């Protein structure tokens, strides 16, 4: 793997933390404790027209896919899924669940 152990552990922790935030937000949304606007402020991406709970589930799936790649030592973690360019440690440090470079992030 092209990342050292310290960086990998930091990314794993950040992915797990983000997953916890999203799972809690989903539970709160389903319980009527938060609004769709709050979800929209936290989660971007997904397909147009997705309901807030669908966006959260999509984001949780994205986190899980990234975590599995990282845990498997797969070289695809930290690379753009469209063009394969390395996203770099700085970008991953900001958003460990990133799966696209700026050119392909839409």
C-alpha atoms as a PDB file:
ATOM      1  CA  UNK A   1       0.000   0.000   0.000  1.00  0.00           C
ATOM      2  CA  UNK A   2       1.262   3.460  -0.791  1.00  0.00           C
ATOM      3  CA  UNK A   3       0.201   4.961   2.569  1.00  0.00           C
ATOM      4  CA  UNK A   4       2.070   4.393   5.815  1.00  0.00           C
ATOM      5  CA  UNK A   5       0.454   2.719   8.830  1.00  0.00           C
ATOM      6  CA  UNK A   6      -0.107   5.982  10.710  1.00  0.00           C
ATOM      7  CA  UNK A   7      -1.962   7.538   7.775  1.00  0.00           C
ATOM      8  CA  UNK A   8      -4.027   4.391   7.226  1.00  0.00           C
ATOM      9  CA  UNK A   9      -5.071   4.315  10.879  1.00  0.00           C
ATOM     10  CA  UNK A  10      -5.997   7.990  10.742  1.00  0.00           C
ATOM     11  CA  UNK A  11      -8.107   7.431   7.608  1.00  0.00           C
ATOM     12  CA  UNK A  12      -9.798   4.364   9.094  1.00  0.00           C
ATOM     13  CA  UNK A  13     -10.696   6.328  12.247  1.00  0.00           C
ATOM     14  CA  UNK A  14     -11.995   9.253  10.164  1.00  0.00           C
ATOM     15  CA  UNK A  15     -14.132   6.907   8.041  1.00  0.00           C
ATOM     16  CA  UNK A  16     -15.578   5.229  11.131  1.00  0.00           C
ATOM     17  CA  UNK A  17     -16.284   8.613  12.731  1.00  0.00           C
ATOM     18  CA  UNK A  18     -18.030   9.874   9.596  1.00  0.00           C
ATOM     19  CA  UNK A  19     -20.072   6.661   9.416  1.00  0.00           C
ATOM     20  CA  UNK A  20     -21.188   7.166  13.012  1.00  0.00           C
ATOM     21  CA  UNK A  21     -22.258  10.742  12.286  1.00  0.00           C
ATOM     22  CA  UNK A  22     -24.228   9.643   9.225  1.00  0.00           C
ATOM     23  CA  UNK A  23     -25.844   6.661  10.971  1.00  0.00           C
ATOM     24  CA  UNK A  24     -26.899   8.878  13.879  1.00  0.00           C
ATOM     25  CA  UNK A  25     -28.275  11.465  11.479  1.00  0.00           C
ATOM     26  CA  UNK A  26     -30.236   8.753   9.652  1.00  0.00           C
ATOM     27  CA  UNK A  27     -31.720   7.492  12.911  1.00  0.00           C
ATOM     28  CA  UNK A  28     -32.632  11.042  13.920  1.00  0.00           C
ATOM     29  CA  UNK A  29     -34.167  11.738  10.514  1.00  0.00           C
ATOM     30  CA  UNK A  30     -36.283   8.580  10.650  1.00  0.00           C
ATOM     31  CA  UNK A  31     -37.375   9.507  14.187  1.00  0.00           C
ATOM     32  CA  UNK A  32     -38.387  12.983  13.009  1.00  0.00           C
ATOM     33  CA  UNK A  33     -35.714  14.718  15.101  1.00  0.00           C
ATOM     34  CA  UNK A  34     -33.927  16.443  12.191  1.00  0.00           C
ATOM     35  CA  UNK A  35     -35.081  18.043   8.966  1.00  0.00           C
ATOM     36  CA  UNK A  36     -34.256  17.229   5.378  1.00  0.00           C
ATOM     37  CA  UNK A  37     -32.471  20.592   5.215  1.00  0.00           C
ATOM     38  CA  UNK A  38     -30.027  19.420   7.891  1.00  0.00           C
ATOM     39  CA  UNK A  39     -29.280  16.296   5.843  1.00  0.00           C
ATOM     40  CA  UNK A  40     -28.751  18.386   2.700  1.00  0.00           C
ATOM     41  CA  UNK A  41     -26.276  20.569   4.593  1.00  0.00           C
ATOM     42  CA  UNK A  42     -24.185  17.555   5.594  1.00  0.00           C
ATOM     43  CA  UNK A  43     -24.487  15.149   2.649  1.00  0.00           C
ATOM     44  CA  UNK A  44     -23.785  16.053  -0.942  1.00  0.00           C
ATOM     45  CA  UNK A  45     -23.798  13.671  -3.842  1.00  0.00           C
ATOM     46  CA  UNK A  46     -26.054  10.852  -4.841  1.00  0.00           C
ATOM     47  CA  UNK A  47     -28.590  10.934  -7.629  1.00  0.00           C
ATOM     48  CA  UNK A  48     -30.903  13.873  -8.262  1.00  0.00           C
ATOM     49  CA  UNK A  49     -34.285  13.443  -6.610  1.00  0.00           C
ATOM     50  CA  UNK A  50     -33.069  11.159  -3.820  1.00  0.00           C
ATOM     51  CA  UNK A  51     -35.013  11.439  -0.591  1.00  0.00           C
ATOM     52  CA  UNK A  52     -32.950  12.501   2.442  1.00  0.00           C
ATOM     53  CA  UNK A  53     -32.889   8.984   3.896  1.00  0.00           C
ATOM     54  CA  UNK A  54     -31.731   7.606   0.533  1.00  0.00           C
ATOM     55  CA  UNK A  55     -28.924  10.174   0.443  1.00  0.00           C
ATOM     56  CA  UNK A  56     -27.804   9.130   3.911  1.00  0.00           C
ATOM     57  CA  UNK A  57     -27.855   5.437   3.017  1.00  0.00           C
ATOM     58  CA  UNK A  58     -25.937   6.210  -0.175  1.00  0.00           C
ATOM     59  CA  UNK A  59     -23.332   8.160   1.847  1.00  0.00           C
ATOM     60  CA  UNK A  60     -23.041   5.309   4.369  1.00  0.00           C
ATOM     61  CA  UNK A  61     -22.484   2.858   1.500  1.00  0.00           C
ATOM     62  CA  UNK A  62     -19.770   5.143   0.124  1.00  0.00           C
ATOM     63  CA  UNK A  63     -18.037   5.203   3.526  1.00  0.00           C
ATOM     64  CA  UNK A  64     -18.229   1.405   3.762  1.00  0.00           C
ATOM     65  CA  UNK A  65     -16.786   0.924   0.257  1.00  0.00           C
ATOM     66  CA  UNK A  66     -13.859   3.206   1.076  1.00  0.00           C
ATOM     67  CA  UNK A  67     -13.256   1.466   4.413  1.00  0.00           C
ATOM     68  CA  UNK A  68     -13.207  -1.958   2.770  1.00  0.00           C
ATOM     69  CA  UNK A  69     -10.673  -0.788   0.184  1.00  0.00           C
ATOM     70  CA  UNK A  70      -8.486   0.685   2.899  1.00  0.00           C
ATOM     71  CA  UNK A  71      -8.721  -2.403   5.118  1.00  0.00           C
ATOM     72  CA  UNK A  72      -7.920  -4.684   2.188  1.00  0.00           C
ATOM     73  CA  UNK A  73      -4.846  -2.638   1.292  1.00  0.00           C
ATOM     74  CA  UNK A  74      -6.397  -2.091  -2.129  1.00  0.00           C
ATOM     75  CA  UNK A  75      -4.468   0.445  -4.196  1.00  0.00           C
ATOM     76  CA  UNK A  76      -7.810   1.831  -5.421  1.00  0.00           C
ATOM     77  CA  UNK A  77      -8.295   3.617  -2.085  1.00  0.00           C
ATOM     78  CA  UNK A  78      -7.276   7.235  -2.552  1.00  0.00           C
ATOM     79  CA  UNK A  79      -7.572   7.141  -6.327  1.00  0.00           C
ATOM     80  CA  UNK A  80     -10.232   8.650  -8.584  1.00  0.00           C
ATOM     81  CA  UNK A  81     -12.708   5.973  -9.645  1.00  0.00           C
ATOM     82  CA  UNK A  82     -12.977   7.643 -13.066  1.00  0.00           C
ATOM     83  CA  UNK A  83      -9.394   8.292 -14.090  1.00  0.00           C
ATOM     84  CA  UNK A  84      -7.235   6.618 -11.429  1.00  0.00           C
ATOM     85  CA  UNK A  85      -5.327   9.753 -10.452  1.00  0.00           C
ATOM     86  CA  UNK A  86      -3.951   9.747  -6.906  1.00  0.00           C
ATOM     87  CA  UNK A  87      -6.075  12.070  -4.762  1.00  0.00           C
ATOM     88  CA  UNK A  88      -3.181  12.737  -2.399  1.00  0.00           C
ATOM     89  CA  UNK A  89      -2.881  12.649   1.359  1.00  0.00           C
ATOM     90  CA  UNK A  90      -3.919  16.285   1.779  1.00  0.00           C
ATOM     91  CA  UNK A  91      -7.243  15.770  -0.013  1.00  0.00           C
ATOM     92  CA  UNK A  92      -7.893  12.478   1.769  1.00  0.00           C
ATOM     93  CA  UNK A  93      -7.098  14.145   5.069  1.00  0.00           C
ATOM     94  CA  UNK A  94      -9.931  16.581   4.372  1.00  0.00           C
ATOM     95  CA  UNK A  95     -12.348  13.981   3.017  1.00  0.00           C
ATOM     96  CA  UNK A  96     -11.223  10.364   3.587  1.00  0.00           C
ATOM     97  CA  UNK A  97     -14.290   9.030   1.757  1.00  0.00           C
ATOM     98  CA  UNK A  98     -13.419  10.860  -1.486  1.00  0.00           C
ATOM     99  CA  UNK A  99     -13.652   8.694  -4.572  1.00  0.00           C
ATOM    100  CA  UNK A 100     -13.226  11.218  -7.370  1.00  0.00           C
ATOM    101  CA  UNK A 101     -10.722  13.899  -8.337  1.00  0.00           C
ATOM    102  CA  UNK A 102     -11.852  17.482  -8.828  1.00  0.00           C
ATOM    103  CA  UNK A 103     -12.145  17.013 -12.574  1.00  0.00           C
ATOM    104  CA  UNK A 104     -14.626  14.131 -12.106  1.00  0.00           C
ATOM    105  CA  UNK A 105     -16.461  15.187  -8.955  1.00  0.00           C
ATOM    106  CA  UNK A 106     -19.183  16.837 -11.021  1.00  0.00           C
END
